[in-house]
PDB file of N, CA and C in Angstrom:
ATOM      1  N   UNK A   1      96.401  47.786 201.909  1.00  0.00           N
ATOM      2  CA  UNK A   1      96.299  49.184 201.556  1.00  0.00           C
ATOM      3  C   UNK A   1      97.422  49.949 202.233  1.00  0.00           C
ATOM      4  N   UNK A   2      98.048  50.855 201.495  1.00  0.00           N
ATOM      5  CA  UNK A   2      99.062  51.735 202.054  1.00  0.00           C
ATOM      6  C   UNK A   2      98.379  52.897 202.757  1.00  0.00           C
ATOM      7  N   UNK A   3      98.833  53.161 203.970  1.00  0.00           N
ATOM      8  CA  UNK A   3      98.266  54.246 204.766  1.00  0.00           C
ATOM      9  C   UNK A   3      99.405  55.096 205.302  1.00  0.00           C
ATOM     10  N   UNK A   4      99.189  56.388 205.304  1.00  0.00           N
ATOM     11  CA  UNK A   4     100.152  57.336 205.845  1.00  0.00           C
ATOM     12  C   UNK A   4      99.425  58.096 206.946  1.00  0.00           C
ATOM     13  N   UNK A   5      99.855  57.933 208.196  1.00  0.00           N
ATOM     14  CA  UNK A   5      99.174  58.544 209.339  1.00  0.00           C
ATOM     15  C   UNK A   5      99.936  59.772 209.810  1.00  0.00           C
ATOM     16  N   UNK A   6      99.232  60.877 209.879  1.00  0.00           N
ATOM     17  CA  UNK A   6      99.779  62.154 210.334  1.00  0.00           C
ATOM     18  C   UNK A   6     100.028  62.112 211.842  1.00  0.00           C
ATOM     19  N   UNK A   7     100.795  63.081 212.335  1.00  0.00           N
ATOM     20  CA  UNK A   7     101.073  63.174 213.776  1.00  0.00           C
ATOM     21  C   UNK A   7      99.819  63.353 214.616  1.00  0.00           C
ATOM     22  N   UNK A   8      98.773  63.886 214.024  1.00  0.00           N
ATOM     23  CA  UNK A   8      97.545  64.141 214.773  1.00  0.00           C
ATOM     24  C   UNK A   8      96.726  62.871 215.034  1.00  0.00           C
ATOM     25  N   UNK A   9      97.159  61.759 214.485  1.00  0.00           N
ATOM     26  CA  UNK A   9      96.439  60.494 214.628  1.00  0.00           C
ATOM     27  C   UNK A   9      96.932  59.766 215.879  1.00  0.00           C
ATOM     28  N   UNK A  10      95.992  59.293 216.692  1.00  0.00           N
ATOM     29  CA  UNK A  10      96.336  58.551 217.904  1.00  0.00           C
ATOM     30  C   UNK A  10      97.097  57.269 217.557  1.00  0.00           C
ATOM     31  N   UNK A  11      98.108  56.976 218.350  1.00  0.00           N
ATOM     32  CA  UNK A  11      98.910  55.765 218.139  1.00  0.00           C
ATOM     33  C   UNK A  11      98.037  54.501 218.137  1.00  0.00           C
ATOM     34  N   UNK A  12      96.973  54.489 218.940  1.00  0.00           N
ATOM     35  CA  UNK A  12      96.097  53.319 218.997  1.00  0.00           C
ATOM     36  C   UNK A  12      95.470  53.036 217.636  1.00  0.00           C
ATOM     37  N   UNK A  13      95.191  54.073 216.879  1.00  0.00           N
ATOM     38  CA  UNK A  13      94.627  53.892 215.538  1.00  0.00           C
ATOM     39  C   UNK A  13      95.655  53.227 214.636  1.00  0.00           C
ATOM     40  N   UNK A  14      96.881  53.709 214.684  1.00  0.00           N
ATOM     41  CA  UNK A  14      97.965  53.142 213.864  1.00  0.00           C
ATOM     42  C   UNK A  14      98.174  51.673 214.218  1.00  0.00           C
ATOM     43  N   UNK A  15      98.246  51.376 215.501  1.00  0.00           N
ATOM     44  CA  UNK A  15      98.458  49.991 215.935  1.00  0.00           C
ATOM     45  C   UNK A  15      97.309  49.087 215.504  1.00  0.00           C
ATOM     46  N   UNK A  16      96.097  49.589 215.606  1.00  0.00           N
ATOM     47  CA  UNK A  16      94.917  48.794 215.197  1.00  0.00           C
ATOM     48  C   UNK A  16      94.960  48.495 213.706  1.00  0.00           C
ATOM     49  N   UNK A  17      95.298  49.484 212.892  1.00  0.00           N
ATOM     50  CA  UNK A  17      95.382  49.280 211.438  1.00  0.00           C
ATOM     51  C   UNK A  17      96.503  48.301 211.088  1.00  0.00           C
ATOM     52  N   UNK A  18      97.603  48.376 211.793  1.00  0.00           N
ATOM     53  CA  UNK A  18      98.699  47.436 211.552  1.00  0.00           C
ATOM     54  C   UNK A  18      98.293  46.007 211.899  1.00  0.00           C
ATOM     55  N   UNK A  19      97.499  45.839 212.948  1.00  0.00           N
ATOM     56  CA  UNK A  19      97.012  44.495 213.278  1.00  0.00           C
ATOM     57  C   UNK A  19      96.126  43.939 212.176  1.00  0.00           C
ATOM     58  N   UNK A  20      95.517  44.816 211.401  1.00  0.00           N
ATOM     59  CA  UNK A  20      94.685  44.408 210.259  1.00  0.00           C
ATOM     60  C   UNK A  20      95.541  44.185 209.006  1.00  0.00           C
ATOM     61  N   UNK A  21      96.854  44.204 209.174  1.00  0.00           N
ATOM     62  CA  UNK A  21      97.815  43.945 208.097  1.00  0.00           C
ATOM     63  C   UNK A  21      97.943  45.085 207.080  1.00  0.00           C
ATOM     64  N   UNK A  22      97.531  46.290 207.454  1.00  0.00           N
ATOM     65  CA  UNK A  22      97.756  47.439 206.584  1.00  0.00           C
ATOM     66  C   UNK A  22      99.183  47.915 206.790  1.00  0.00           C
ATOM     67  N   UNK A  23      99.793  48.387 205.714  1.00  0.00           N
ATOM     68  CA  UNK A  23     101.117  49.004 205.814  1.00  0.00           C
ATOM     69  C   UNK A  23     100.885  50.460 206.206  1.00  0.00           C
ATOM     70  N   UNK A  24     101.277  50.812 207.422  1.00  0.00           N
ATOM     71  CA  UNK A  24     101.032  52.159 207.928  1.00  0.00           C
ATOM     72  C   UNK A  24     102.359  52.841 208.227  1.00  0.00           C
ATOM     73  N   UNK A  25     102.639  53.923 207.511  1.00  0.00           N
ATOM     74  CA  UNK A  25     103.760  54.796 207.830  1.00  0.00           C
ATOM     75  C   UNK A  25     103.211  55.868 208.757  1.00  0.00           C
ATOM     76  N   UNK A  26     103.920  56.125 209.852  1.00  0.00           N
ATOM     77  CA  UNK A  26     103.437  57.036 210.890  1.00  0.00           C
ATOM     78  C   UNK A  26     104.445  58.163 211.066  1.00  0.00           C
ATOM     79  N   UNK A  27     104.028  59.380 210.821  1.00  0.00           N
ATOM     80  CA  UNK A  27     104.924  60.539 210.841  1.00  0.00           C
ATOM     81  C   UNK A  27     105.775  60.612 212.112  1.00  0.00           C
ATOM     82  N   UNK A  28     105.223  60.423 213.323  1.00  0.00           N
ATOM     83  CA  UNK A  28     106.083  60.510 214.516  1.00  0.00           C
ATOM     84  C   UNK A  28     107.229  59.499 214.537  1.00  0.00           C
ATOM     85  N   UNK A  29     107.092  58.393 213.824  1.00  0.00           N
ATOM     86  CA  UNK A  29     108.156  57.387 213.774  1.00  0.00           C
ATOM     87  C   UNK A  29     109.173  57.698 212.679  1.00  0.00           C
ATOM     88  N   UNK A  30     108.801  58.550 211.752  1.00  0.00           N
ATOM     89  CA  UNK A  30     109.644  58.806 210.580  1.00  0.00           C
ATOM     90  C   UNK A  30     110.317  60.170 210.631  1.00  0.00           C
ATOM     91  N   UNK A  31     109.499  61.200 210.781  1.00  0.00           N
ATOM     92  CA  UNK A  31     110.005  62.573 210.696  1.00  0.00           C
ATOM     93  C   UNK A  31     109.093  63.509 211.495  1.00  0.00           C
ATOM     94  N   UNK A  32     109.144  63.427 212.815  1.00  0.00           N
ATOM     95  CA  UNK A  32     108.271  64.274 213.621  1.00  0.00           C
ATOM     96  C   UNK A  32     108.466  65.751 213.292  1.00  0.00           C
ATOM     97  N   UNK A  33     107.372  66.477 213.264  1.00  0.00           N
ATOM     98  CA  UNK A  33     107.444  67.916 213.063  1.00  0.00           C
ATOM     99  C   UNK A  33     107.482  68.381 211.620  1.00  0.00           C
ATOM    100  N   UNK A  34     107.384  67.474 210.637  1.00  0.00           N
ATOM    101  CA  UNK A  34     107.398  67.934 209.247  1.00  0.00           C
ATOM    102  C   UNK A  34     106.114  68.711 208.955  1.00  0.00           C
ATOM    103  N   UNK A  35     106.170  69.542 207.954  1.00  0.00           N
ATOM    104  CA  UNK A  35     105.037  70.404 207.614  1.00  0.00           C
ATOM    105  C   UNK A  35     103.911  69.599 206.972  1.00  0.00           C
ATOM    106  N   UNK A  36     102.728  70.197 206.963  1.00  0.00           N
ATOM    107  CA  UNK A  36     101.582  69.558 206.313  1.00  0.00           C
ATOM    108  C   UNK A  36     101.856  69.322 204.833  1.00  0.00           C
ATOM    109  N   UNK A  37     102.529  70.263 204.185  1.00  0.00           N
ATOM    110  CA  UNK A  37     102.877  70.085 202.765  1.00  0.00           C
ATOM    111  C   UNK A  37     103.770  68.868 202.571  1.00  0.00           C
ATOM    112  N   UNK A  38     104.727  68.684 203.473  1.00  0.00           N
ATOM    113  CA  UNK A  38     105.610  67.523 203.375  1.00  0.00           C
ATOM    114  C   UNK A  38     104.841  66.228 203.632  1.00  0.00           C
ATOM    115  N   UNK A  39     103.934  66.251 204.589  1.00  0.00           N
ATOM    116  CA  UNK A  39     103.116  65.070 204.877  1.00  0.00           C
ATOM    117  C   UNK A  39     102.324  64.694 203.627  1.00  0.00           C
ATOM    118  N   UNK A  40     101.696  65.684 203.005  1.00  0.00           N
ATOM    119  CA  UNK A  40     100.902  65.427 201.802  1.00  0.00           C
ATOM    120  C   UNK A  40     101.786  64.906 200.671  1.00  0.00           C
ATOM    121  N   UNK A  41     102.957  65.492 200.499  1.00  0.00           N
ATOM    122  CA  UNK A  41     103.887  65.035 199.458  1.00  0.00           C
ATOM    123  C   UNK A  41     104.311  63.590 199.695  1.00  0.00           C
ATOM    124  N   UNK A  42     104.658  63.248 200.940  1.00  0.00           N
ATOM    125  CA  UNK A  42     105.098  61.886 201.246  1.00  0.00           C
ATOM    126  C   UNK A  42     103.976  60.893 201.011  1.00  0.00           C
ATOM    127  N   UNK A  43     102.761  61.248 201.421  1.00  0.00           N
ATOM    128  CA  UNK A  43     101.645  60.310 201.220  1.00  0.00           C
ATOM    129  C   UNK A  43     101.392  60.103 199.732  1.00  0.00           C
ATOM    130  N   UNK A  44     101.567  61.152 198.933  1.00  0.00           N
ATOM    131  CA  UNK A  44     101.410  61.029 197.478  1.00  0.00           C
ATOM    132  C   UNK A  44     102.504  60.141 196.890  1.00  0.00           C
ATOM    133  N   UNK A  45     103.739  60.333 197.322  1.00  0.00           N
ATOM    134  CA  UNK A  45     104.844  59.518 196.818  1.00  0.00           C
ATOM    135  C   UNK A  45     104.623  58.038 197.118  1.00  0.00           C
ATOM    136  N   UNK A  46     104.037  57.752 198.266  1.00  0.00           N
ATOM    137  CA  UNK A  46     103.789  56.367 198.667  1.00  0.00           C
ATOM    138  C   UNK A  46     102.446  55.846 198.150  1.00  0.00           C
ATOM    139  N   UNK A  47     101.712  56.719 197.433  1.00  0.00           N
ATOM    140  CA  UNK A  47     100.377  56.373 196.927  1.00  0.00           C
ATOM    141  C   UNK A  47      99.528  55.796 198.047  1.00  0.00           C
ATOM    142  N   UNK A  48      99.507  56.523 199.152  1.00  0.00           N
ATOM    143  CA  UNK A  48      98.852  56.066 200.368  1.00  0.00           C
ATOM    144  C   UNK A  48      97.673  56.962 200.739  1.00  0.00           C
ATOM    145  N   UNK A  49      96.699  56.355 201.404  1.00  0.00           N
ATOM    146  CA  UNK A  49      95.606  57.100 201.994  1.00  0.00           C
ATOM    147  C   UNK A  49      96.170  57.828 203.211  1.00  0.00           C
ATOM    148  N   UNK A  50      96.022  59.142 203.241  1.00  0.00           N
ATOM    149  CA  UNK A  50      96.473  59.939 204.378  1.00  0.00           C
ATOM    150  C   UNK A  50      95.359  59.984 205.413  1.00  0.00           C
ATOM    151  N   UNK A  51      95.687  59.568 206.630  1.00  0.00           N
ATOM    152  CA  UNK A  51      94.735  59.655 207.735  1.00  0.00           C
ATOM    153  C   UNK A  51      95.228  60.753 208.662  1.00  0.00           C
ATOM    154  N   UNK A  52      94.318  61.667 209.015  1.00  0.00           N
ATOM    155  CA  UNK A  52      94.680  62.819 209.826  1.00  0.00           C
ATOM    156  C   UNK A  52      93.493  63.280 210.651  1.00  0.00           C
ATOM    157  N   UNK A  53      93.790  64.049 211.690  1.00  0.00           N
ATOM    158  CA  UNK A  53      92.748  64.741 212.451  1.00  0.00           C
ATOM    159  C   UNK A  53      92.914  66.249 212.276  1.00  0.00           C
ATOM    160  N   UNK A  54      93.785  66.646 211.367  1.00  0.00           N
ATOM    161  CA  UNK A  54      94.137  68.046 211.129  1.00  0.00           C
ATOM    162  C   UNK A  54      93.317  68.610 209.962  1.00  0.00           C
ATOM    163  N   UNK A  55      92.436  69.558 210.258  1.00  0.00           N
ATOM    164  CA  UNK A  55      91.560  70.144 209.234  1.00  0.00           C
ATOM    165  C   UNK A  55      92.328  70.957 208.198  1.00  0.00           C
ATOM    166  N   UNK A  56      93.582  71.312 208.466  1.00  0.00           N
ATOM    167  CA  UNK A  56      94.362  72.105 207.514  1.00  0.00           C
ATOM    168  C   UNK A  56      94.540  71.394 206.171  1.00  0.00           C
ATOM    169  N   UNK A  57      94.440  70.078 206.160  1.00  0.00           N
ATOM    170  CA  UNK A  57      94.592  69.356 204.891  1.00  0.00           C
ATOM    171  C   UNK A  57      93.429  69.657 203.948  1.00  0.00           C
ATOM    172  N   UNK A  58      92.276  69.950 204.475  1.00  0.00           N
ATOM    173  CA  UNK A  58      91.145  70.373 203.643  1.00  0.00           C
ATOM    174  C   UNK A  58      91.470  71.658 202.917  1.00  0.00           C
ATOM    175  N   UNK A  59      92.119  72.580 203.602  1.00  0.00           N
ATOM    176  CA  UNK A  59      92.535  73.841 202.984  1.00  0.00           C
ATOM    177  C   UNK A  59      93.547  73.592 201.865  1.00  0.00           C
ATOM    178  N   UNK A  60      94.490  72.707 202.111  1.00  0.00           N
ATOM    179  CA  UNK A  60      95.500  72.401 201.093  1.00  0.00           C
ATOM    180  C   UNK A  60      94.869  71.806 199.832  1.00  0.00           C
ATOM    181  N   UNK A  61      93.893  70.949 200.011  1.00  0.00           N
ATOM    182  CA  UNK A  61      93.282  70.262 198.880  1.00  0.00           C
ATOM    183  C   UNK A  61      92.229  71.121 198.177  1.00  0.00           C
ATOM    184  N   UNK A  62      91.348  71.739 198.945  1.00  0.00           N
ATOM    185  CA  UNK A  62      90.229  72.463 198.338  1.00  0.00           C
ATOM    186  C   UNK A  62      90.594  73.891 197.918  1.00  0.00           C
ATOM    187  N   UNK A  63      91.305  74.616 198.776  1.00  0.00           N
ATOM    188  CA  UNK A  63      91.606  76.005 198.445  1.00  0.00           C
ATOM    189  C   UNK A  63      92.888  76.133 197.622  1.00  0.00           C
ATOM    190  N   UNK A  64      93.906  75.390 198.005  1.00  0.00           N
ATOM    191  CA  UNK A  64      95.197  75.493 197.317  1.00  0.00           C
ATOM    192  C   UNK A  64      95.347  74.483 196.187  1.00  0.00           C
ATOM    193  N   UNK A  65      94.349  73.602 196.024  1.00  0.00           N
ATOM    194  CA  UNK A  65      94.291  72.656 194.898  1.00  0.00           C
ATOM    195  C   UNK A  65      95.495  71.723 194.826  1.00  0.00           C
ATOM    196  N   UNK A  66      96.032  71.324 195.983  1.00  0.00           N
ATOM    197  CA  UNK A  66      97.148  70.388 195.975  1.00  0.00           C
ATOM    198  C   UNK A  66      96.622  68.980 195.726  1.00  0.00           C
ATOM    199  N   UNK A  67      97.420  68.204 195.034  1.00  0.00           N
ATOM    200  CA  UNK A  67      96.991  66.841 194.707  1.00  0.00           C
ATOM    201  C   UNK A  67      97.117  65.938 195.933  1.00  0.00           C
ATOM    202  N   UNK A  68      96.367  64.856 195.908  1.00  0.00           N
ATOM    203  CA  UNK A  68      96.409  63.881 196.996  1.00  0.00           C
ATOM    204  C   UNK A  68      95.924  62.547 196.474  1.00  0.00           C
ATOM    205  N   UNK A  69      96.337  61.481 197.168  1.00  0.00           N
ATOM    206  CA  UNK A  69      95.914  60.132 196.795  1.00  0.00           C
ATOM    207  C   UNK A  69      94.671  59.705 197.561  1.00  0.00           C
ATOM    208  N   UNK A  70      94.260  60.522 198.497  1.00  0.00           N
ATOM    209  CA  UNK A  70      93.096  60.244 199.323  1.00  0.00           C
ATOM    210  C   UNK A  70      93.373  60.680 200.743  1.00  0.00           C
ATOM    211  N   UNK A  71      92.381  61.300 201.363  1.00  0.00           N
ATOM    212  CA  UNK A  71      92.524  61.757 202.744  1.00  0.00           C
ATOM    213  C   UNK A  71      91.303  61.315 203.525  1.00  0.00           C
ATOM    214  N   UNK A  72      91.558  60.781 204.724  1.00  0.00           N
ATOM    215  CA  UNK A  72      90.501  60.486 205.679  1.00  0.00           C
ATOM    216  C   UNK A  72      90.720  61.406 206.869  1.00  0.00           C
ATOM    217  N   UNK A  73      89.816  62.371 207.045  1.00  0.00           N
ATOM    218  CA  UNK A  73      89.867  63.300 208.167  1.00  0.00           C
ATOM    219  C   UNK A  73      89.018  62.727 209.297  1.00  0.00           C
ATOM    220  N   UNK A  74      89.642  62.497 210.427  1.00  0.00           N
ATOM    221  CA  UNK A  74      88.963  61.908 211.582  1.00  0.00           C
ATOM    222  C   UNK A  74      88.442  63.032 212.471  1.00  0.00           C
ATOM    223  N   UNK A  75      87.142  63.046 212.694  1.00  0.00           N
ATOM    224  CA  UNK A  75      86.505  64.052 213.559  1.00  0.00           C
ATOM    225  C   UNK A  75      85.732  63.301 214.652  1.00  0.00           C
ATOM    226  N   UNK A  76      86.456  62.666 215.558  1.00  0.00           N
ATOM    227  CA  UNK A  76      85.850  61.829 216.596  1.00  0.00           C
ATOM    228  C   UNK A  76      86.237  62.317 217.991  1.00  0.00           C
ATOM    229  N   UNK A  77      86.275  63.627 218.186  1.00  0.00           N
ATOM    230  CA  UNK A  77      86.698  64.165 219.478  1.00  0.00           C
ATOM    231  C   UNK A  77      85.762  63.705 220.592  1.00  0.00           C
ATOM    232  N   UNK A  78      86.356  63.487 221.760  1.00  0.00           N
ATOM    233  CA  UNK A  78      85.598  63.052 222.915  1.00  0.00           C
ATOM    234  C   UNK A  78      85.368  61.553 222.996  1.00  0.00           C
ATOM    235  N   UNK A  79      85.714  60.850 221.942  1.00  0.00           N
ATOM    236  CA  UNK A  79      85.529  59.397 221.915  1.00  0.00           C
ATOM    237  C   UNK A  79      86.789  58.738 222.488  1.00  0.00           C
ATOM    238  N   UNK A  80      86.642  57.687 223.285  1.00  0.00           N
ATOM    239  CA  UNK A  80      87.822  56.983 223.809  1.00  0.00           C
ATOM    240  C   UNK A  80      88.715  56.479 222.669  1.00  0.00           C
ATOM    241  N   UNK A  81      90.022  56.474 222.912  1.00  0.00           N
ATOM    242  CA  UNK A  81      90.994  56.110 221.873  1.00  0.00           C
ATOM    243  C   UNK A  81      90.727  54.729 221.281  1.00  0.00           C
ATOM    244  N   UNK A  82      90.390  53.759 222.111  1.00  0.00           N
ATOM    245  CA  UNK A  82      90.133  52.404 221.597  1.00  0.00           C
ATOM    246  C   UNK A  82      88.921  52.389 220.673  1.00  0.00           C
ATOM    247  N   UNK A  83      87.909  53.149 221.016  1.00  0.00           N
ATOM    248  CA  UNK A  83      86.715  53.211 220.172  1.00  0.00           C
ATOM    249  C   UNK A  83      87.009  53.927 218.853  1.00  0.00           C
ATOM    250  N   UNK A  84      87.819  55.001 218.913  1.00  0.00           N
ATOM    251  CA  UNK A  84      88.241  55.684 217.683  1.00  0.00           C
ATOM    252  C   UNK A  84      88.975  54.707 216.777  1.00  0.00           C
ATOM    253  N   UNK A  85      89.895  53.956 217.362  1.00  0.00           N
ATOM    254  CA  UNK A  85      90.697  53.009 216.580  1.00  0.00           C
ATOM    255  C   UNK A  85      89.804  51.984 215.895  1.00  0.00           C
ATOM    256  N   UNK A  86      88.822  51.487 216.615  1.00  0.00           N
ATOM    257  CA  UNK A  86      87.899  50.508 216.040  1.00  0.00           C
ATOM    258  C   UNK A  86      87.095  51.118 214.896  1.00  0.00           C
ATOM    259  N   UNK A  87      86.588  52.318 215.094  1.00  0.00           N
ATOM    260  CA  UNK A  87      85.786  52.991 214.058  1.00  0.00           C
ATOM    261  C   UNK A  87      86.608  53.241 212.798  1.00  0.00           C
ATOM    262  N   UNK A  88      87.844  53.689 212.973  1.00  0.00           N
ATOM    263  CA  UNK A  88      88.702  53.950 211.818  1.00  0.00           C
ATOM    264  C   UNK A  88      89.027  52.650 211.104  1.00  0.00           C
ATOM    265  N   UNK A  89      89.362  51.601 211.843  1.00  0.00           N
ATOM    266  CA  UNK A  89      89.694  50.313 211.229  1.00  0.00           C
ATOM    267  C   UNK A  89      88.512  49.762 210.439  1.00  0.00           C
ATOM    268  N   UNK A  90      87.320  49.839 210.983  1.00  0.00           N
ATOM    269  CA  UNK A  90      86.126  49.365 210.275  1.00  0.00           C
ATOM    270  C   UNK A  90      85.896  50.187 209.010  1.00  0.00           C
ATOM    271  N   UNK A  91      86.075  51.492 209.118  1.00  0.00           N
ATOM    272  CA  UNK A  91      85.879  52.379 207.964  1.00  0.00           C
ATOM    273  C   UNK A  91      86.878  52.069 206.857  1.00  0.00           C
ATOM    274  N   UNK A  92      88.129  51.891 207.218  1.00  0.00           N
ATOM    275  CA  UNK A  92      89.148  51.578 206.211  1.00  0.00           C
ATOM    276  C   UNK A  92      88.861  50.221 205.581  1.00  0.00           C
ATOM    277  N   UNK A  93      88.454  49.262 206.390  1.00  0.00           N
ATOM    278  CA  UNK A  93      88.138  47.931 205.862  1.00  0.00           C
ATOM    279  C   UNK A  93      86.984  47.995 204.856  1.00  0.00           C
ATOM    280  N   UNK A  94      85.926  48.694 205.208  1.00  0.00           N
ATOM    281  CA  UNK A  94      84.729  48.748 204.358  1.00  0.00           C
ATOM    282  C   UNK A  94      84.854  49.675 203.157  1.00  0.00           C
ATOM    283  N   UNK A  95      85.532  50.815 203.330  1.00  0.00           N
ATOM    284  CA  UNK A  95      85.508  51.857 202.304  1.00  0.00           C
ATOM    285  C   UNK A  95      86.891  52.267 201.800  1.00  0.00           C
ATOM    286  N   UNK A  96      87.923  51.538 202.184  1.00  0.00           N
ATOM    287  CA  UNK A  96      89.289  51.935 201.851  1.00  0.00           C
ATOM    288  C   UNK A  96      89.504  52.300 200.395  1.00  0.00           C
ATOM    289  N   UNK A  97      89.191  51.400 199.487  1.00  0.00           N
ATOM    290  CA  UNK A  97      89.410  51.660 198.063  1.00  0.00           C
ATOM    291  C   UNK A  97      88.550  52.815 197.566  1.00  0.00           C
ATOM    292  N   UNK A  98      87.356  52.943 198.099  1.00  0.00           N
ATOM    293  CA  UNK A  98      86.448  54.021 197.703  1.00  0.00           C
ATOM    294  C   UNK A  98      86.978  55.392 198.145  1.00  0.00           C
ATOM    295  N   UNK A  99      87.787  55.422 199.200  1.00  0.00           N
ATOM    296  CA  UNK A  99      88.307  56.687 199.707  1.00  0.00           C
ATOM    297  C   UNK A  99      89.540  57.172 198.947  1.00  0.00           C
ATOM    298  N   UNK A 100      90.120  56.327 198.116  1.00  0.00           N
ATOM    299  CA  UNK A 100      91.284  56.752 197.337  1.00  0.00           C
ATOM    300  C   UNK A 100      90.867  57.826 196.346  1.00  0.00           C
ATOM    301  N   UNK A 101      91.709  58.836 196.221  1.00  0.00           N
ATOM    302  CA  UNK A 101      91.475  59.987 195.347  1.00  0.00           C
ATOM    303  C   UNK A 101      90.230  60.783 195.742  1.00  0.00           C
ATOM    304  N   UNK A 102      89.877  60.687 197.015  1.00  0.00           N
ATOM    305  CA  UNK A 102      88.732  61.427 197.537  1.00  0.00           C
ATOM    306  C   UNK A 102      89.087  62.004 198.911  1.00  0.00           C
ATOM    307  N   UNK A 103      88.320  62.999 199.321  1.00  0.00           N
ATOM    308  CA  UNK A 103      88.476  63.589 200.647  1.00  0.00           C
ATOM    309  C   UNK A 103      87.306  63.099 201.485  1.00  0.00           C
ATOM    310  N   UNK A 104      87.614  62.326 202.522  1.00  0.00           N
ATOM    311  CA  UNK A 104      86.576  61.713 203.348  1.00  0.00           C
ATOM    312  C   UNK A 104      86.652  62.272 204.760  1.00  0.00           C
ATOM    313  N   UNK A 105      85.483  62.386 205.380  1.00  0.00           N
ATOM    314  CA  UNK A 105      85.404  62.873 206.758  1.00  0.00           C
ATOM    315  C   UNK A 105      84.609  61.863 207.572  1.00  0.00           C
ATOM    316  N   UNK A 106      85.238  61.355 208.633  1.00  0.00           N
ATOM    317  CA  UNK A 106      84.589  60.402 209.528  1.00  0.00           C
ATOM    318  C   UNK A 106      84.200  61.126 210.802  1.00  0.00           C
ATOM    319  N   UNK A 107      82.896  61.169 211.082  1.00  0.00           N
ATOM    320  CA  UNK A 107      82.382  61.748 212.326  1.00  0.00           C
ATOM    321  C   UNK A 107      81.706  60.644 213.128  1.00  0.00           C
ATOM    322  N   UNK A 108      81.224  60.991 214.304  1.00  0.00           N
ATOM    323  CA  UNK A 108      80.523  60.015 215.138  1.00  0.00           C
ATOM    324  C   UNK A 108      79.279  59.477 214.439  1.00  0.00           C
ATOM    325  N   UNK A 109      78.677  60.301 213.580  1.00  0.00           N
ATOM    326  CA  UNK A 109      77.402  59.951 212.966  1.00  0.00           C
ATOM    327  C   UNK A 109      77.486  59.466 211.523  1.00  0.00           C
ATOM    328  N   UNK A 110      78.586  59.769 210.821  1.00  0.00           N
ATOM    329  CA  UNK A 110      78.590  59.467 209.382  1.00  0.00           C
ATOM    330  C   UNK A 110      79.999  59.452 208.810  1.00  0.00           C
ATOM    331  N   UNK A 111      80.074  58.906 207.609  1.00  0.00           N
ATOM    332  CA  UNK A 111      81.269  59.000 206.773  1.00  0.00           C
ATOM    333  C   UNK A 111      80.847  59.713 205.507  1.00  0.00           C
ATOM    334  N   UNK A 112      81.497  60.830 205.211  1.00  0.00           N
ATOM    335  CA  UNK A 112      81.236  61.561 203.964  1.00  0.00           C
ATOM    336  C   UNK A 112      82.450  61.389 203.063  1.00  0.00           C
ATOM    337  N   UNK A 113      82.204  60.946 201.858  1.00  0.00           N
ATOM    338  CA  UNK A 113      83.278  60.745 200.874  1.00  0.00           C
ATOM    339  C   UNK A 113      83.014  61.706 199.726  1.00  0.00           C
ATOM    340  N   UNK A 114      83.962  62.585 199.483  1.00  0.00           N
ATOM    341  CA  UNK A 114      83.783  63.623 198.479  1.00  0.00           C
ATOM    342  C   UNK A 114      84.859  63.515 197.400  1.00  0.00           C
ATOM    343  N   UNK A 115      84.430  63.438 196.165  1.00  0.00           N
ATOM    344  CA  UNK A 115      85.361  63.407 195.042  1.00  0.00           C
ATOM    345  C   UNK A 115      85.952  64.805 194.860  1.00  0.00           C
ATOM    346  N   UNK A 116      87.203  64.864 194.553  1.00  0.00           N
ATOM    347  CA  UNK A 116      87.899  66.119 194.372  1.00  0.00           C
ATOM    348  C   UNK A 116      87.952  66.470 192.898  1.00  0.00           C
ATOM    349  N   UNK A 117      87.585  67.690 192.561  1.00  0.00           N
ATOM    350  CA  UNK A 117      87.693  68.179 191.185  1.00  0.00           C
ATOM    351  C   UNK A 117      88.898  69.070 191.092  1.00  0.00           C
ATOM    352  N   UNK A 118      89.907  68.619 190.377  1.00  0.00           N
ATOM    353  CA  UNK A 118      91.138  69.404 190.223  1.00  0.00           C
ATOM    354  C   UNK A 118      91.176  70.095 188.896  1.00  0.00           C
TER     355      UNK A 118
END
């Protein structure tokens, strides 16, 4: 699965996903400081699931109706980085294809996958 990780994503998550053989493009390694619009555009061009901890992407998709190939919003604050990485890797493994073309939110208690109506 192609994954595009925003700057807000912990490096441990990116490294964990790469160990699972996912192709992960990571904004800090490519173009640090690019705008959220550019991040969304790049993830769309690569047909990749965008992983982020930045809630602004919800605004771009729901309020501004921008297209996306799929977004996983990570809401795991306070959790150790290694545990976050494990949770994200398990989620991508189990639900990766289901999260494409959907807006998903991963919290400590649940994964919500929401289809987008454009």
